[in-house]
Amino acid sequence: MQPKFLTAAFFVGAFWLVSNASGGLLAQEKVRIGYIGLSLSSMPLLAARDLGLFAKNGIQAELLMLTFQLSSVALNAGDLEYVAGVGPGSVGATLGGSSSRAVWIVANRLIYNVIAQPEVKTLQELRGKRIGVSGLGATTHTAFTMAVEKAGANPKDFIVVGLGPQQQQRALESKSIEAVIVDPPVLFVLLKKGFSKVLDIGAAVEMPVGGLTTLIKTLGARPDQVRRVIRALQEAKEALIASKERSVDLIAKTMKMDQETATKTHEMMALAWAGSGVPTRTGMENIVKGIQSQGRFADRKVAFEEIADPRLALQVARELAHKD
């Protein structure tokens, strides 16, 4: 029998009893976290809030849905303490002068796939065709470029078009584009409708998806706060992996999908998300390679320490008895 999530009310109530028995409630520090929108990689963030895991770790989190550009500006202006994301956008901002670092990741394995019109069976058949990505220069675009190169093809042979998440499925169904790069649940929806999977990007490219970015000054001034935010997110991720029944319900409700699709999504998610959340050199270096393959910062040699600080995630990993 699968373990179930504790309800947020029970979790917070139990935490209150334990805290008061030991001499008082743990002070709740207010933090603001920006995130781009509802996606699979945002599930740990939402679960940390809804399951009381931020509260358990002494964090009162205000989650703000913003575009990446607004989140980046707000982070550097001090209007946000954290941005829920690690990818080409956040790393590109760091390379562009933002005093920020990646401190935790949801996973190092992407679950993106190139899904094409039913008659298209191979990547080569998409040469000269339009392929929709969630944003030019974003994770999907960068990972696609690297996967194509690894497959022995030239990324310049494909026409990459930036589309919002809500536009991708409609564009494919209307045949205004020939392919899209998607992850669950849209992946399963399109496969069920007869569209063709032509490239598993995650199998070809190790690259972080989701995570947490903050400023160097926050790491220096409030390291314990950063550690507690990371711990809440890692605990939420592990709860999503372990508690299948409740996790499927949360995914179905949040992402507005049926139970069958949510179940398949959870199965793929549980495999891809296993791990401690510590940023790796290979994953971060691949983000930089992807950015540079698009002509940005192409002549710059980038050290891991310039874009990531894994120390607090490593500490949390030890606390939670991770070996990796």
C-alpha atoms as a PDB file:
ATOM      1  CA  MET A   1       0.000   0.000   0.000  1.00  0.00           C
ATOM      2  CA  GLN A   2       1.391   3.374  -0.986  1.00  0.00           C
ATOM      3  CA  PRO A   3       2.050   5.906   1.842  1.00  0.00           C
ATOM      4  CA  LYS A   4      -0.196   8.952   1.718  1.00  0.00           C
ATOM      5  CA  PHE A   5       0.574  12.595   2.209  1.00  0.00           C
ATOM      6  CA  LEU A   6      -0.241  14.112   5.564  1.00  0.00           C
ATOM      7  CA  THR A   7      -2.747  16.894   5.093  1.00  0.00           C
ATOM      8  CA  ALA A   8      -1.355  20.380   5.481  1.00  0.00           C
ATOM      9  CA  ALA A   9      -3.553  20.983   8.536  1.00  0.00           C
ATOM     10  CA  PHE A  10      -2.411  17.777  10.238  1.00  0.00           C
ATOM     11  CA  PHE A  11       1.220  18.446   9.380  1.00  0.00           C
ATOM     12  CA  VAL A  12       1.150  21.982  10.754  1.00  0.00           C
ATOM     13  CA  GLY A  13      -0.878  20.897  13.784  1.00  0.00           C
ATOM     14  CA  ALA A  14       1.542  18.114  14.649  1.00  0.00           C
ATOM     15  CA  PHE A  15       4.436  20.502  14.177  1.00  0.00           C
ATOM     16  CA  TRP A  16       2.763  23.010  16.545  1.00  0.00           C
ATOM     17  CA  LEU A  17       2.391  20.371  19.276  1.00  0.00           C
ATOM     18  CA  VAL A  18       5.994  19.199  19.001  1.00  0.00           C
ATOM     19  CA  SER A  19       7.332  22.746  18.928  1.00  0.00           C
ATOM     20  CA  ASN A  20       5.334  23.878  21.923  1.00  0.00           C
ATOM     21  CA  ALA A  21       6.372  20.819  23.890  1.00  0.00           C
ATOM     22  CA  SER A  22       9.995  21.840  23.394  1.00  0.00           C
ATOM     23  CA  GLY A  23       9.502  25.469  24.338  1.00  0.00           C
ATOM     24  CA  GLY A  24       7.760  27.381  21.560  1.00  0.00           C
ATOM     25  CA  LEU A  25       7.067  27.632  17.846  1.00  0.00           C
ATOM     26  CA  LEU A  26       9.943  27.905  15.425  1.00  0.00           C
ATOM     27  CA  ALA A  27       9.944  31.468  14.116  1.00  0.00           C
ATOM     28  CA  GLN A  28       8.517  31.704  10.608  1.00  0.00           C
ATOM     29  CA  GLU A  29      10.748  33.717   8.285  1.00  0.00           C
ATOM     30  CA  LYS A  30       8.923  35.376   5.422  1.00  0.00           C
ATOM     31  CA  VAL A  31      10.372  34.793   1.962  1.00  0.00           C
ATOM     32  CA  ARG A  32       9.144  35.525  -1.540  1.00  0.00           C
ATOM     33  CA  ILE A  33       9.736  32.963  -4.275  1.00  0.00           C
ATOM     34  CA  GLY A  34       9.050  33.663  -7.931  1.00  0.00           C
ATOM     35  CA  TYR A  35       8.067  30.876 -10.308  1.00  0.00           C
ATOM     36  CA  ILE A  36       7.174  30.898 -13.979  1.00  0.00           C
ATOM     37  CA  GLY A  37       3.914  28.968 -13.844  1.00  0.00           C
ATOM     38  CA  LEU A  38       2.217  25.621 -13.431  1.00  0.00           C
ATOM     39  CA  SER A  39       4.471  22.868 -14.708  1.00  0.00           C
ATOM     40  CA  LEU A  40       5.751  19.520 -13.540  1.00  0.00           C
ATOM     41  CA  SER A  41       8.975  21.059 -12.261  1.00  0.00           C
ATOM     42  CA  SER A  42       6.992  23.494 -10.079  1.00  0.00           C
ATOM     43  CA  MET A  43       5.251  20.643  -8.224  1.00  0.00           C
ATOM     44  CA  PRO A  44       7.817  20.457  -5.354  1.00  0.00           C
ATOM     45  CA  LEU A  45       7.372  24.184  -4.744  1.00  0.00           C
ATOM     46  CA  LEU A  46       3.578  23.933  -4.588  1.00  0.00           C
ATOM     47  CA  ALA A  47       3.727  20.738  -2.514  1.00  0.00           C
ATOM     48  CA  ALA A  48       6.121  22.331  -0.006  1.00  0.00           C
ATOM     49  CA  ARG A  49       3.514  25.026   0.556  1.00  0.00           C
ATOM     50  CA  ASP A  50       0.399  22.847   0.534  1.00  0.00           C
ATOM     51  CA  LEU A  51       1.836  20.093   2.752  1.00  0.00           C
ATOM     52  CA  GLY A  52       3.142  22.496   5.379  1.00  0.00           C
ATOM     53  CA  LEU A  53       6.780  21.646   4.675  1.00  0.00           C
ATOM     54  CA  PHE A  54       7.812  25.279   4.428  1.00  0.00           C
ATOM     55  CA  ALA A  55       6.124  25.901   7.805  1.00  0.00           C
ATOM     56  CA  LYS A  56       7.774  22.803   9.277  1.00  0.00           C
ATOM     57  CA  ASN A  57      11.146  24.292   8.341  1.00  0.00           C
ATOM     58  CA  GLY A  58      10.366  27.741   9.736  1.00  0.00           C
ATOM     59  CA  ILE A  59       9.562  29.379   6.411  1.00  0.00           C
ATOM     60  CA  GLN A  60       6.510  31.464   5.530  1.00  0.00           C
ATOM     61  CA  ALA A  61       6.682  31.379   1.748  1.00  0.00           C
ATOM     62  CA  GLU A  62       4.832  33.743  -0.559  1.00  0.00           C
ATOM     63  CA  LEU A  63       4.783  32.242  -4.054  1.00  0.00           C
ATOM     64  CA  LEU A  64       4.532  34.721  -6.916  1.00  0.00           C
ATOM     65  CA  MET A  65       3.812  33.610 -10.488  1.00  0.00           C
ATOM     66  CA  LEU A  66       5.943  35.817 -12.743  1.00  0.00           C
ATOM     67  CA  THR A  67       7.624  35.624 -16.117  1.00  0.00           C
ATOM     68  CA  PHE A  68      11.279  34.652 -15.915  1.00  0.00           C
ATOM     69  CA  GLN A  69      12.313  38.152 -16.963  1.00  0.00           C
ATOM     70  CA  LEU A  70      10.301  39.755 -14.162  1.00  0.00           C
ATOM     71  CA  SER A  71      11.550  37.190 -11.633  1.00  0.00           C
ATOM     72  CA  SER A  72      15.160  37.905 -12.575  1.00  0.00           C
ATOM     73  CA  VAL A  73      14.685  41.665 -12.265  1.00  0.00           C
ATOM     74  CA  ALA A  74      12.828  41.288  -8.957  1.00  0.00           C
ATOM     75  CA  LEU A  75      15.508  38.972  -7.539  1.00  0.00           C
ATOM     76  CA  ASN A  76      18.304  41.413  -8.297  1.00  0.00           C
ATOM     77  CA  ALA A  77      16.241  44.334  -6.994  1.00  0.00           C
ATOM     78  CA  GLY A  78      15.645  42.564  -3.681  1.00  0.00           C
ATOM     79  CA  ASP A  79      11.902  42.163  -4.265  1.00  0.00           C
ATOM     80  CA  LEU A  80      12.317  38.370  -4.265  1.00  0.00           C
ATOM     81  CA  GLU A  81      14.599  36.205  -2.157  1.00  0.00           C
ATOM     82  CA  TYR A  82      14.449  33.218  -4.508  1.00  0.00           C
ATOM     83  CA  VAL A  83      13.534  32.155  -8.028  1.00  0.00           C
ATOM     84  CA  ALA A  84      12.229  28.600  -8.443  1.00  0.00           C
ATOM     85  CA  GLY A  85      14.223  27.566 -11.455  1.00  0.00           C
ATOM     86  CA  VAL A  86      17.651  26.516 -12.697  1.00  0.00           C
ATOM     87  CA  GLY A  87      18.241  26.486 -16.428  1.00  0.00           C
ATOM     88  CA  PRO A  88      19.575  28.471 -19.370  1.00  0.00           C
ATOM     89  CA  GLY A  89      17.547  31.516 -18.331  1.00  0.00           C
ATOM     90  CA  SER A  90      18.866  31.707 -14.775  1.00  0.00           C
ATOM     91  CA  VAL A  91      22.420  30.730 -15.731  1.00  0.00           C
ATOM     92  CA  GLY A  92      22.365  33.172 -18.647  1.00  0.00           C
ATOM     93  CA  ALA A  93      21.333  35.911 -16.202  1.00  0.00           C
ATOM     94  CA  THR A  94      24.259  34.994 -13.936  1.00  0.00           C
ATOM     95  CA  LEU A  95      26.691  35.090 -16.852  1.00  0.00           C
ATOM     96  CA  GLY A  96      25.169  38.423 -17.849  1.00  0.00           C
ATOM     97  CA  GLY A  97      26.068  39.995 -14.510  1.00  0.00           C
ATOM     98  CA  SER A  98      23.455  38.873 -11.998  1.00  0.00           C
ATOM     99  CA  SER A  99      25.056  38.025  -8.653  1.00  0.00           C
ATOM    100  CA  SER A 100      23.122  34.753  -8.408  1.00  0.00           C
ATOM    101  CA  ARG A 101      23.838  31.064  -8.017  1.00  0.00           C
ATOM    102  CA  ALA A 102      21.957  27.805  -8.528  1.00  0.00           C
ATOM    103  CA  VAL A 103      21.674  26.155  -5.104  1.00  0.00           C
ATOM    104  CA  TRP A 104      19.281  23.190  -5.613  1.00  0.00           C
ATOM    105  CA  ILE A 105      17.760  21.297  -8.540  1.00  0.00           C
ATOM    106  CA  VAL A 106      14.627  19.227  -8.956  1.00  0.00           C
ATOM    107  CA  ALA A 107      16.383  16.720 -11.214  1.00  0.00           C
ATOM    108  CA  ASN A 108      19.300  16.217 -13.563  1.00  0.00           C
ATOM    109  CA  ARG A 109      17.288  14.210 -16.071  1.00  0.00           C
ATOM    110  CA  LEU A 110      15.015  15.981 -18.508  1.00  0.00           C
ATOM    111  CA  ILE A 111      11.809  14.274 -19.571  1.00  0.00           C
ATOM    112  CA  TYR A 112      11.308  16.297 -22.743  1.00  0.00           C
ATOM    113  CA  ASN A 113      10.492  14.601 -26.038  1.00  0.00           C
ATOM    114  CA  VAL A 114      10.132  15.839 -29.598  1.00  0.00           C
ATOM    115  CA  ILE A 115       6.572  15.006 -30.675  1.00  0.00           C
ATOM    116  CA  ALA A 116       5.745  15.368 -34.368  1.00  0.00           C
ATOM    117  CA  GLN A 117       2.874  15.001 -36.797  1.00  0.00           C
ATOM    118  CA  PRO A 118       1.753  11.343 -37.149  1.00  0.00           C
ATOM    119  CA  GLU A 119       3.390  10.891 -40.548  1.00  0.00           C
ATOM    120  CA  VAL A 120       6.810  12.008 -39.271  1.00  0.00           C
ATOM    121  CA  LYS A 121       8.861   9.078 -37.933  1.00  0.00           C
ATOM    122  CA  THR A 122      12.458  10.338 -37.724  1.00  0.00           C
ATOM    123  CA  LEU A 123      14.344  13.456 -36.696  1.00  0.00           C
ATOM    124  CA  GLN A 124      15.759  13.809 -40.198  1.00  0.00           C
ATOM    125  CA  GLU A 125      12.244  14.253 -41.584  1.00  0.00           C
ATOM    126  CA  LEU A 126      11.944  17.449 -39.519  1.00  0.00           C
ATOM    127  CA  ARG A 127      14.836  19.202 -41.304  1.00  0.00           C
ATOM    128  CA  GLY A 128      13.601  22.559 -42.553  1.00  0.00           C
ATOM    129  CA  LYS A 129      10.411  22.167 -40.503  1.00  0.00           C
ATOM    130  CA  ARG A 130       9.030  24.280 -37.646  1.00  0.00           C
ATOM    131  CA  ILE A 131       9.535  22.952 -34.126  1.00  0.00           C
ATOM    132  CA  GLY A 132       7.842  24.650 -31.177  1.00  0.00           C
ATOM    133  CA  VAL A 133       9.731  25.230 -27.920  1.00  0.00           C
ATOM    134  CA  SER A 134       8.528  26.872 -24.708  1.00  0.00           C
ATOM    135  CA  GLY A 135      10.894  29.787 -25.198  1.00  0.00           C
ATOM    136  CA  LEU A 136      13.825  30.675 -27.415  1.00  0.00           C
ATOM    137  CA  GLY A 137      16.978  30.152 -25.370  1.00  0.00           C
ATOM    138  CA  ALA A 138      15.049  28.343 -22.620  1.00  0.00           C
ATOM    139  CA  THR A 139      15.712  24.817 -21.338  1.00  0.00           C
ATOM    140  CA  THR A 140      13.713  23.076 -24.095  1.00  0.00           C
ATOM    141  CA  HIS A 141      15.515  24.997 -26.841  1.00  0.00           C
ATOM    142  CA  THR A 142      18.965  24.519 -25.310  1.00  0.00           C
ATOM    143  CA  ALA A 143      18.444  20.811 -24.632  1.00  0.00           C
ATOM    144  CA  PHE A 144      17.066  20.254 -28.142  1.00  0.00           C
ATOM    145  CA  THR A 145      20.148  21.882 -29.656  1.00  0.00           C
ATOM    146  CA  MET A 146      22.449  19.601 -27.674  1.00  0.00           C
ATOM    147  CA  ALA A 147      20.406  16.444 -28.362  1.00  0.00           C
ATOM    148  CA  VAL A 148      20.368  17.182 -32.093  1.00  0.00           C
ATOM    149  CA  GLU A 149      24.144  17.632 -32.128  1.00  0.00           C
ATOM    150  CA  LYS A 150      24.571  14.380 -30.194  1.00  0.00           C
ATOM    151  CA  ALA A 151      22.403  12.635 -32.788  1.00  0.00           C
ATOM    152  CA  GLY A 152      24.795  13.818 -35.491  1.00  0.00           C
ATOM    153  CA  ALA A 153      22.494  16.455 -37.010  1.00  0.00           C
ATOM    154  CA  ASN A 154      22.924  20.217 -37.413  1.00  0.00           C
ATOM    155  CA  PRO A 155      20.622  22.360 -35.208  1.00  0.00           C
ATOM    156  CA  LYS A 156      20.611  25.011 -37.936  1.00  0.00           C
ATOM    157  CA  ASP A 157      18.696  22.623 -40.180  1.00  0.00           C
ATOM    158  CA  PHE A 158      15.601  23.037 -38.000  1.00  0.00           C
ATOM    159  CA  ILE A 159      13.316  26.055 -37.616  1.00  0.00           C
ATOM    160  CA  VAL A 160      12.768  26.625 -33.895  1.00  0.00           C
ATOM    161  CA  VAL A 161       9.705  28.657 -32.944  1.00  0.00           C
ATOM    162  CA  GLY A 162       8.983  30.037 -29.457  1.00  0.00           C
ATOM    163  CA  LEU A 163       5.489  29.163 -28.218  1.00  0.00           C
ATOM    164  CA  GLY A 164       3.779  29.464 -24.854  1.00  0.00           C
ATOM    165  CA  PRO A 165       2.842  26.182 -23.102  1.00  0.00           C
ATOM    166  CA  GLN A 166      -0.836  26.719 -23.883  1.00  0.00           C
ATOM    167  CA  GLN A 167      -0.126  27.275 -27.587  1.00  0.00           C
ATOM    168  CA  GLN A 168       1.985  24.209 -28.307  1.00  0.00           C
ATOM    169  CA  GLN A 169      -0.725  21.564 -28.424  1.00  0.00           C
ATOM    170  CA  ARG A 170      -3.091  23.771 -30.439  1.00  0.00           C
ATOM    171  CA  ALA A 171      -0.332  24.628 -32.905  1.00  0.00           C
ATOM    172  CA  LEU A 172       0.504  20.974 -33.461  1.00  0.00           C
ATOM    173  CA  GLU A 173      -3.125  19.927 -33.829  1.00  0.00           C
ATOM    174  CA  SER A 174      -3.807  22.740 -36.297  1.00  0.00           C
ATOM    175  CA  LYS A 175      -0.656  21.750 -38.254  1.00  0.00           C
ATOM    176  CA  SER A 176       0.751  25.261 -38.046  1.00  0.00           C
ATOM    177  CA  ILE A 177       3.952  23.601 -36.828  1.00  0.00           C
ATOM    178  CA  GLU A 178       5.395  20.167 -37.552  1.00  0.00           C
ATOM    179  CA  ALA A 179       6.640  19.271 -34.051  1.00  0.00           C
ATOM    180  CA  VAL A 180       6.813  20.418 -30.441  1.00  0.00           C
ATOM    181  CA  ILE A 181       9.095  19.721 -27.498  1.00  0.00           C
ATOM    182  CA  VAL A 182       7.000  18.736 -24.482  1.00  0.00           C
ATOM    183  CA  ASP A 183       7.087  16.867 -21.193  1.00  0.00           C
ATOM    184  CA  PRO A 184       4.282  15.149 -19.273  1.00  0.00           C
ATOM    185  CA  PRO A 185       1.354  15.521 -19.122  1.00  0.00           C
ATOM    186  CA  VAL A 186       1.132  17.039 -22.627  1.00  0.00           C
ATOM    187  CA  LEU A 187       3.468  14.295 -23.855  1.00  0.00           C
ATOM    188  CA  PHE A 188       0.945  11.571 -23.021  1.00  0.00           C
ATOM    189  CA  VAL A 189      -2.007  13.573 -24.320  1.00  0.00           C
ATOM    190  CA  LEU A 190      -0.354  13.975 -27.723  1.00  0.00           C
ATOM    191  CA  LEU A 191       0.792  10.354 -27.931  1.00  0.00           C
ATOM    192  CA  LYS A 192      -2.753   9.221 -27.147  1.00  0.00           C
ATOM    193  CA  LYS A 193      -3.980  11.348 -30.060  1.00  0.00           C
ATOM    194  CA  GLY A 194      -1.654   9.564 -32.471  1.00  0.00           C
ATOM    195  CA  PHE A 195       1.234  12.017 -32.756  1.00  0.00           C
ATOM    196  CA  SER A 196       4.706  10.561 -33.173  1.00  0.00           C
ATOM    197  CA  LYS A 197       7.654  10.563 -30.739  1.00  0.00           C
ATOM    198  CA  VAL A 198      10.842  11.115 -32.725  1.00  0.00           C
ATOM    199  CA  LEU A 199      13.467  12.054 -30.108  1.00  0.00           C
ATOM    200  CA  ASP A 200      13.888  11.423 -26.376  1.00  0.00           C
ATOM    201  CA  ILE A 201      15.883  14.485 -25.317  1.00  0.00           C
ATOM    202  CA  GLY A 202      16.254  13.361 -21.699  1.00  0.00           C
ATOM    203  CA  ALA A 203      18.040  10.180 -22.744  1.00  0.00           C
ATOM    204  CA  ALA A 204      20.617  12.236 -24.639  1.00  0.00           C
ATOM    205  CA  VAL A 205      21.264  15.229 -22.384  1.00  0.00           C
ATOM    206  CA  GLU A 206      22.032  15.494 -18.657  1.00  0.00           C
ATOM    207  CA  MET A 207      20.768  18.913 -17.633  1.00  0.00           C
ATOM    208  CA  PRO A 208      19.010  20.331 -14.566  1.00  0.00           C
ATOM    209  CA  VAL A 209      15.284  20.909 -14.700  1.00  0.00           C
ATOM    210  CA  GLY A 210      13.671  23.111 -12.083  1.00  0.00           C
ATOM    211  CA  GLY A 211      15.387  24.101  -8.879  1.00  0.00           C
ATOM    212  CA  LEU A 212      16.252  27.142  -6.805  1.00  0.00           C
ATOM    213  CA  THR A 213      18.341  30.225  -7.537  1.00  0.00           C
ATOM    214  CA  THR A 214      19.263  32.953  -5.082  1.00  0.00           C
ATOM    215  CA  LEU A 215      21.713  35.823  -4.705  1.00  0.00           C
ATOM    216  CA  ILE A 216      25.237  35.486  -3.349  1.00  0.00           C
ATOM    217  CA  LYS A 217      24.416  38.034  -0.660  1.00  0.00           C
ATOM    218  CA  THR A 218      21.510  35.895   0.555  1.00  0.00           C
ATOM    219  CA  LEU A 219      23.829  32.892   0.771  1.00  0.00           C
ATOM    220  CA  GLY A 220      26.263  34.968   2.803  1.00  0.00           C
ATOM    221  CA  ALA A 221      23.793  36.737   5.086  1.00  0.00           C
ATOM    222  CA  ARG A 222      21.146  34.032   5.613  1.00  0.00           C
ATOM    223  CA  PRO A 223      22.670  30.587   4.932  1.00  0.00           C
ATOM    224  CA  ASP A 224      20.425  28.833   7.468  1.00  0.00           C
ATOM    225  CA  GLN A 225      17.325  30.270   5.789  1.00  0.00           C
ATOM    226  CA  VAL A 226      18.544  29.055   2.398  1.00  0.00           C
ATOM    227  CA  ARG A 227      19.223  25.614   3.864  1.00  0.00           C
ATOM    228  CA  ARG A 228      15.697  25.416   5.304  1.00  0.00           C
ATOM    229  CA  VAL A 229      14.106  26.473   2.006  1.00  0.00           C
ATOM    230  CA  ILE A 230      16.141  23.800   0.201  1.00  0.00           C
ATOM    231  CA  ARG A 231      15.184  21.201   2.801  1.00  0.00           C
ATOM    232  CA  ALA A 232      11.468  21.999   2.432  1.00  0.00           C
ATOM    233  CA  LEU A 233      11.702  21.617  -1.348  1.00  0.00           C
ATOM    234  CA  GLN A 234      13.703  18.378  -1.169  1.00  0.00           C
ATOM    235  CA  GLU A 235      11.262  16.919   1.379  1.00  0.00           C
ATOM    236  CA  ALA A 236       8.357  17.921  -0.875  1.00  0.00           C
ATOM    237  CA  LYS A 237       9.988  16.291  -3.889  1.00  0.00           C
ATOM    238  CA  GLU A 238      10.559  13.084  -1.955  1.00  0.00           C
ATOM    239  CA  ALA A 239       6.949  13.117  -0.735  1.00  0.00           C
ATOM    240  CA  LEU A 240       5.740  13.460  -4.329  1.00  0.00           C
ATOM    241  CA  ILE A 241       7.851  10.478  -5.375  1.00  0.00           C
ATOM    242  CA  ALA A 242       6.899   8.255  -2.435  1.00  0.00           C
ATOM    243  CA  SER A 243       3.195   8.982  -2.088  1.00  0.00           C
ATOM    244  CA  LYS A 244       1.808   7.876  -5.428  1.00  0.00           C
ATOM    245  CA  GLU A 245      -1.926   8.065  -4.709  1.00  0.00           C
ATOM    246  CA  ARG A 246      -1.937  11.569  -3.276  1.00  0.00           C
ATOM    247  CA  SER A 247       0.727  12.718  -5.728  1.00  0.00           C
ATOM    248  CA  VAL A 248      -1.375  11.596  -8.687  1.00  0.00           C
ATOM    249  CA  ASP A 249      -4.354  13.476  -7.242  1.00  0.00           C
ATOM    250  CA  LEU A 250      -2.249  16.642  -6.821  1.00  0.00           C
ATOM    251  CA  ILE A 251      -0.831  16.416 -10.347  1.00  0.00           C
ATOM    252  CA  ALA A 252      -4.272  15.776 -11.846  1.00  0.00           C
ATOM    253  CA  LYS A 253      -5.813  18.715  -9.994  1.00  0.00           C
ATOM    254  CA  THR A 254      -2.972  21.183 -10.523  1.00  0.00           C
ATOM    255  CA  MET A 255      -2.206  20.295 -14.124  1.00  0.00           C
ATOM    256  CA  LYS A 256      -5.875  19.634 -15.012  1.00  0.00           C
ATOM    257  CA  MET A 257      -5.488  16.125 -16.404  1.00  0.00           C
ATOM    258  CA  ASP A 258      -7.220  12.780 -16.063  1.00  0.00           C
ATOM    259  CA  GLN A 259      -6.115  10.134 -13.551  1.00  0.00           C
ATOM    260  CA  GLU A 260      -4.599   7.841 -16.198  1.00  0.00           C
ATOM    261  CA  THR A 261      -2.385  10.587 -17.589  1.00  0.00           C
ATOM    262  CA  ALA A 262      -1.478  11.762 -14.078  1.00  0.00           C
ATOM    263  CA  THR A 263      -0.470   8.208 -13.133  1.00  0.00           C
ATOM    264  CA  LYS A 264       1.815   7.868 -16.175  1.00  0.00           C
ATOM    265  CA  THR A 265       3.246  11.301 -15.402  1.00  0.00           C
ATOM    266  CA  HIS A 266       4.001  10.292 -11.818  1.00  0.00           C
ATOM    267  CA  GLU A 267       5.755   7.103 -12.950  1.00  0.00           C
ATOM    268  CA  MET A 268       8.049   9.015 -15.301  1.00  0.00           C
ATOM    269  CA  MET A 269       8.549  11.790 -12.745  1.00  0.00           C
ATOM    270  CA  ALA A 270       9.510   9.368  -9.959  1.00  0.00           C
ATOM    271  CA  LEU A 271      12.240   7.869 -12.147  1.00  0.00           C
ATOM    272  CA  ALA A 272      13.607  11.201 -13.372  1.00  0.00           C
ATOM    273  CA  TRP A 273      13.496  12.983 -10.009  1.00  0.00           C
ATOM    274  CA  ALA A 274      15.329  10.430  -7.895  1.00  0.00           C
ATOM    275  CA  GLY A 275      18.351  12.076  -6.270  1.00  0.00           C
ATOM    276  CA  SER A 276      19.522  14.522  -3.653  1.00  0.00           C
ATOM    277  CA  GLY A 277      18.909  17.802  -5.503  1.00  0.00           C
ATOM    278  CA  VAL A 278      22.588  18.767  -5.434  1.00  0.00           C
ATOM    279  CA  PRO A 279      23.641  20.652  -8.620  1.00  0.00           C
ATOM    280  CA  THR A 280      26.242  18.649 -10.547  1.00  0.00           C
ATOM    281  CA  ARG A 281      29.174  19.898 -12.572  1.00  0.00           C
ATOM    282  CA  THR A 282      28.139  17.963 -15.667  1.00  0.00           C
ATOM    283  CA  GLY A 283      24.569  19.228 -15.576  1.00  0.00           C
ATOM    284  CA  MET A 284      25.553  22.857 -15.045  1.00  0.00           C
ATOM    285  CA  GLU A 285      28.310  22.666 -17.650  1.00  0.00           C
ATOM    286  CA  ASN A 286      25.786  21.340 -20.154  1.00  0.00           C
ATOM    287  CA  ILE A 287      23.591  24.378 -19.531  1.00  0.00           C
ATOM    288  CA  VAL A 288      26.584  26.595 -20.330  1.00  0.00           C
ATOM    289  CA  LYS A 289      27.414  24.555 -23.456  1.00  0.00           C
ATOM    290  CA  GLY A 290      23.838  24.889 -24.620  1.00  0.00           C
ATOM    291  CA  ILE A 291      23.871  28.646 -24.084  1.00  0.00           C
ATOM    292  CA  GLN A 292      27.184  28.980 -25.905  1.00  0.00           C
ATOM    293  CA  SER A 293      25.952  26.846 -28.811  1.00  0.00           C
ATOM    294  CA  GLN A 294      23.382  29.594 -29.407  1.00  0.00           C
ATOM    295  CA  GLY A 295      26.153  32.183 -29.714  1.00  0.00           C
ATOM    296  CA  ARG A 296      25.885  33.700 -26.234  1.00  0.00           C
ATOM    297  CA  PHE A 297      29.033  34.047 -24.092  1.00  0.00           C
ATOM    298  CA  ALA A 298      30.681  31.814 -26.682  1.00  0.00           C
ATOM    299  CA  ASP A 299      34.268  32.903 -25.940  1.00  0.00           C
ATOM    300  CA  ARG A 300      33.943  32.767 -22.164  1.00  0.00           C
ATOM    301  CA  LYS A 301      35.402  29.986 -20.007  1.00  0.00           C
ATOM    302  CA  VAL A 302      32.917  29.424 -17.183  1.00  0.00           C
ATOM    303  CA  ALA A 303      33.824  27.750 -13.896  1.00  0.00           C
ATOM    304  CA  PHE A 304      31.224  25.702 -11.999  1.00  0.00           C
ATOM    305  CA  GLU A 305      31.635  28.001  -8.975  1.00  0.00           C
ATOM    306  CA  GLU A 306      30.584  31.011 -11.067  1.00  0.00           C
ATOM    307  CA  ILE A 307      27.101  29.621 -11.620  1.00  0.00           C
ATOM    308  CA  ALA A 308      26.379  27.187  -8.777  1.00  0.00           C
ATOM    309  CA  ASP A 309      26.908  26.819  -5.035  1.00  0.00           C
ATOM    310  CA  PRO A 310      26.003  23.266  -3.924  1.00  0.00           C
ATOM    311  CA  ARG A 311      27.209  23.517  -0.307  1.00  0.00           C
ATOM    312  CA  LEU A 312      23.835  23.908   1.378  1.00  0.00           C
ATOM    313  CA  ALA A 313      22.154  21.294  -0.824  1.00  0.00           C
ATOM    314  CA  LEU A 314      24.963  18.911   0.164  1.00  0.00           C
ATOM    315  CA  GLN A 315      24.282  19.691   3.813  1.00  0.00           C
ATOM    316  CA  VAL A 316      20.574  18.941   3.347  1.00  0.00           C
ATOM    317  CA  ALA A 317      21.446  15.734   1.490  1.00  0.00           C
ATOM    318  CA  ARG A 318      23.474  14.593   4.489  1.00  0.00           C
ATOM    319  CA  GLU A 319      20.649  15.524   6.871  1.00  0.00           C
ATOM    320  CA  LEU A 320      18.229  13.443   4.798  1.00  0.00           C
ATOM    321  CA  ALA A 321      20.711  10.550   4.553  1.00  0.00           C
ATOM    322  CA  HIS A 322      21.333  10.776   0.816  1.00  0.00           C
ATOM    323  CA  LYS A 323      24.494   9.096  -0.415  1.00  0.00           C
ATOM    324  CA  ASP A 324      24.770  10.892  -3.775  1.00  0.00           C
END
